[in-house]
Protein backbone atom coordinates (compact mmCIF):
# COMPACT_ATOMS: atom_id res chain seq x y z
CA MET A 1 72.78 99.37 66.79
CA GLU A 2 75.38 96.84 67.93
CA GLN A 3 76.43 97.36 71.56
CA PRO A 4 80.00 96.69 72.73
CA LEU A 5 80.11 93.62 75.00
CA ARG A 6 81.35 95.65 77.99
CA THR A 7 80.79 99.37 78.32
CA ILE A 8 79.62 101.74 81.03
CA ARG A 9 76.24 103.23 80.20
CA ALA A 10 75.04 105.91 82.60
CA THR A 11 73.25 109.17 83.16
CA TYR A 12 75.95 111.78 83.67
CA THR A 13 76.78 115.48 83.47
CA GLU A 14 80.10 117.27 83.02
CA SER A 15 80.96 116.70 86.67
CA THR A 16 78.69 113.92 88.03
CA ILE A 17 77.45 110.41 87.27
CA THR A 18 74.28 108.81 88.65
CA VAL A 19 74.49 105.37 90.24
CA TYR A 20 71.75 103.32 91.87
CA GLN A 21 71.39 101.44 95.13
CA ALA A 22 68.40 99.99 96.99
CA TYR A 23 67.96 99.91 100.75
CA SER A 24 65.38 99.33 103.43
CA PRO A 25 63.29 102.44 104.19
CA GLU A 26 65.18 102.75 107.52
CA ILE A 27 68.35 103.53 105.56
CA GLY A 28 67.03 104.91 102.27
CA LEU A 29 64.54 107.51 103.51
CA PRO A 30 66.91 109.26 105.99
CA ALA A 31 69.63 109.19 103.30
CA VAL A 32 67.39 111.12 100.90
CA ARG A 33 66.21 113.50 103.63
CA GLU A 34 69.73 114.30 104.85
CA GLY A 35 71.56 113.99 101.53
CA ARG A 36 74.01 111.55 103.12
CA PHE A 37 73.98 108.02 104.46
CA PRO A 38 72.65 107.80 108.05
CA GLY A 39 74.46 106.35 111.05
CA GLY A 40 72.91 102.90 110.54
CA TRP A 41 74.58 102.58 107.12
CA LYS A 42 77.46 100.12 107.38
CA ARG A 43 80.78 101.59 106.29
CA ASP A 44 82.70 98.42 107.10
CA ARG A 45 81.12 96.30 104.38
CA MET A 46 81.25 96.35 100.62
CA THR A 47 78.64 98.50 98.92
CA TRP A 48 77.78 97.95 95.25
CA ILE A 49 76.84 100.86 93.00
CA LYS A 50 75.24 100.39 89.60
CA PRO A 51 75.09 102.98 86.78
CA SER A 52 72.34 100.96 85.02
CA PHE A 53 68.78 101.70 86.18
CA LEU A 54 67.38 98.48 84.69
CA TRP A 55 70.12 96.36 86.24
CA MET A 56 69.17 97.89 89.59
CA MET A 57 65.51 97.06 88.89
CA TYR A 58 66.51 93.47 88.21
CA ARG A 59 68.49 93.35 91.46
CA CYS A 60 65.78 94.88 93.67
CA GLY A 61 62.69 93.56 91.86
CA TRP A 62 61.44 97.07 91.02
CA GLY A 63 61.81 97.98 94.72
CA GLY A 64 59.76 94.96 95.82
CA LYS A 65 62.43 92.80 97.48
CA ALA A 66 62.72 92.81 101.26
CA GLY A 67 65.37 95.25 102.44
CA GLN A 68 65.47 96.91 98.99
CA GLU A 69 62.17 98.81 99.01
CA THR A 70 63.75 102.25 98.67
CA VAL A 71 65.60 102.81 95.40
CA LEU A 72 68.12 105.64 95.46
CA ALA A 73 69.66 107.55 92.57
CA VAL A 74 72.96 108.75 94.00
CA GLU A 75 74.72 111.48 92.08
CA ILE A 76 78.47 111.25 92.66
CA SER A 77 81.44 113.15 91.30
CA ARG A 78 82.94 111.78 88.12
CA ASP A 79 86.37 112.30 89.70
CA GLY A 80 85.38 109.93 92.50
CA PHE A 81 83.86 107.37 90.14
CA GLU A 82 86.99 107.39 88.01
CA TRP A 83 89.22 107.10 91.09
CA ALA A 84 87.29 103.94 91.99
CA LEU A 85 87.73 102.52 88.48
CA ARG A 86 91.47 103.25 88.51
CA HIS A 87 91.85 101.48 91.85
CA ALA A 88 89.52 98.57 91.05
CA CYS A 89 90.25 94.92 90.39
CA LEU A 90 88.05 92.47 88.52
CA SER A 91 86.04 90.40 90.99
CA GLY A 92 86.93 87.24 89.08
CA TYR A 93 90.21 85.89 87.74
CA ALA A 94 90.73 86.70 84.04
CA PRO A 95 93.72 84.98 82.36
CA GLY A 96 94.06 87.74 79.75
CA VAL A 97 94.27 90.43 82.43
CA HIS A 98 96.09 88.81 85.35
CA PRO A 99 99.42 86.96 85.04
CA ASP A 100 98.14 84.16 87.29
CA ARG A 101 95.46 83.41 89.88
CA ALA A 102 97.74 84.23 92.83
CA SER A 103 98.51 87.70 91.41
CA TRP A 104 94.80 88.36 90.96
CA GLN A 105 94.06 87.26 94.56
CA ARG A 106 96.76 89.59 95.92
CA GLN A 107 95.44 92.47 93.82
CA LEU A 108 91.84 91.78 94.87
CA LYS A 109 92.81 91.77 98.54
CA ARG A 110 94.49 95.19 98.24
CA ALA A 111 91.98 96.90 95.92
CA PRO A 112 89.45 99.28 97.52
CA ALA A 113 87.08 98.63 94.60
CA ARG A 114 86.08 95.70 92.43
CA VAL A 115 84.28 95.38 89.13
CA GLN A 116 81.78 92.85 87.85
CA TRP A 117 80.32 92.88 84.35
CA ASP A 118 76.81 91.45 84.49
CA PRO A 119 74.28 91.03 81.67
CA GLU A 120 72.33 94.24 81.06
CA ARG A 121 68.54 93.86 81.37
CA ASP A 122 65.58 94.84 79.21
CA LEU A 123 62.24 96.18 80.46
CA HIS A 124 61.12 92.63 81.30
CA LEU A 125 64.40 92.26 83.26
CA GLN A 126 65.56 89.57 80.86
CA PRO A 127 69.32 89.40 80.13
CA LEU A 128 70.67 91.19 77.05
CA PRO A 129 73.75 90.01 75.13
CA TYR A 130 75.92 92.84 76.45
CA ARG A 131 77.09 93.66 79.94
CA SER A 132 76.79 96.45 82.49
CA LEU A 133 79.17 97.56 85.18
CA GLN A 134 78.72 96.89 88.86
CA LEU A 135 81.26 98.63 91.06
CA GLY A 136 81.90 97.31 94.57
CA LEU A 137 83.41 99.74 97.07
CA SER A 138 85.15 98.81 100.31
CA GLY A 139 87.50 100.41 102.81
CA GLU A 140 88.85 103.74 101.60
CA ALA A 141 86.48 103.76 98.62
CA VAL A 142 83.38 103.43 100.86
CA ARG A 143 84.56 106.33 103.03
CA ARG A 144 85.25 108.51 99.99
CA TYR A 145 81.89 107.57 98.44
CA ALA A 146 79.96 108.53 101.56
CA ASP A 147 81.96 111.59 102.64
CA GLU A 148 83.47 113.10 99.49
CA TRP A 149 81.93 111.89 96.25
CA THR A 150 78.19 112.03 96.96
CA VAL A 151 76.65 115.22 95.59
CA ALA A 152 72.91 114.43 95.85
CA MET A 153 70.46 111.60 96.52
CA ARG A 154 66.97 111.12 95.13
CA ASP A 155 64.31 108.55 95.94
CA VAL A 156 63.39 107.02 92.58
CA THR A 157 61.12 104.33 94.05
CA PRO A 158 57.96 106.01 92.66
CA LEU A 159 59.58 106.07 89.21
CA ALA A 160 60.48 102.37 89.52
CA HIS A 161 56.88 101.52 90.46
CA GLU A 162 55.45 103.65 87.63
CA ILE A 163 57.68 102.05 84.99
CA HIS A 164 56.95 98.58 86.38
CA ALA A 165 53.19 99.22 86.19
CA LEU A 166 53.50 100.31 82.56
CA VAL A 167 55.58 97.23 81.70
CA SER A 168 53.05 94.98 83.48
CA GLY A 169 50.27 96.64 81.49
CA GLY A 170 52.08 96.09 78.21
CA ASP A 171 52.78 99.79 77.52
CA LEU A 172 56.49 99.43 76.73
CA ASP A 173 56.66 102.68 74.74
CA SER A 174 55.53 104.77 77.71
CA ALA A 175 57.80 102.78 80.04
CA THR A 176 60.78 103.41 77.75
CA ARG A 177 60.08 107.15 77.68
CA LEU A 178 60.30 107.27 81.50
CA LEU A 179 63.64 105.46 81.73
CA PRO A 180 66.65 107.55 82.74
CA GLN A 181 68.62 108.50 79.63
CA GLU A 182 71.78 106.43 79.80
CA ARG A 183 74.56 106.82 77.25
CA PRO A 184 78.06 105.43 76.92
CA TYR A 185 80.30 106.93 79.58
CA PRO A 186 83.54 108.42 78.20
CA ALA A 187 85.93 106.10 80.01
CA GLY A 188 89.18 105.92 78.09
CA ASP A 189 91.48 102.93 77.83
CA ASP A 190 93.50 104.15 80.82
CA LEU A 191 90.41 103.74 83.01
CA LEU A 192 89.16 100.37 81.77
CA ALA A 193 92.07 98.43 80.27
CA HIS A 194 92.70 96.51 83.52
CA LEU A 195 88.96 95.79 83.88
CA LEU A 196 88.12 94.26 80.50
CA GLU A 197 88.29 90.47 80.44
């Protein structure tokens, strides 16, 4: 089936959406234990959340990259996720979206969230011809993410390692069966129109 070039694919319920992040064990393990980010987690920097499990695996090397050994599935409220989309700006200048480069730079400076569309990945972490959302949160959005939107956190590092082992062994069918079930997220035009290049 033909995939739209840019769409949000995610695991979600009526009220929550799952996004992924990877951290060092010093941050990731206490976060899972306490259900919230620990004191050492930096609120004053941008944090990127990814609804695509395989894009996260590409980014963290299946939980093998230094400082990204603990892969978290963070369940957040859909209201919060959609607030971030409404208040986001594209991370790059897009002539069809922004009147001019200066307008985009002003908007980017003010926006508490930014969006990048990066190539989705297959089980071998090779790029696919369609793109997945990355959502960068800063300022007010980071505070809301940590203090209001987060509903639950799970350590999915063992799942990442299990799927990676199956892929390495050539058992793609079993690996596919273990993947989180991601489907197109019902984001209407009002949510995404300003984020589609």
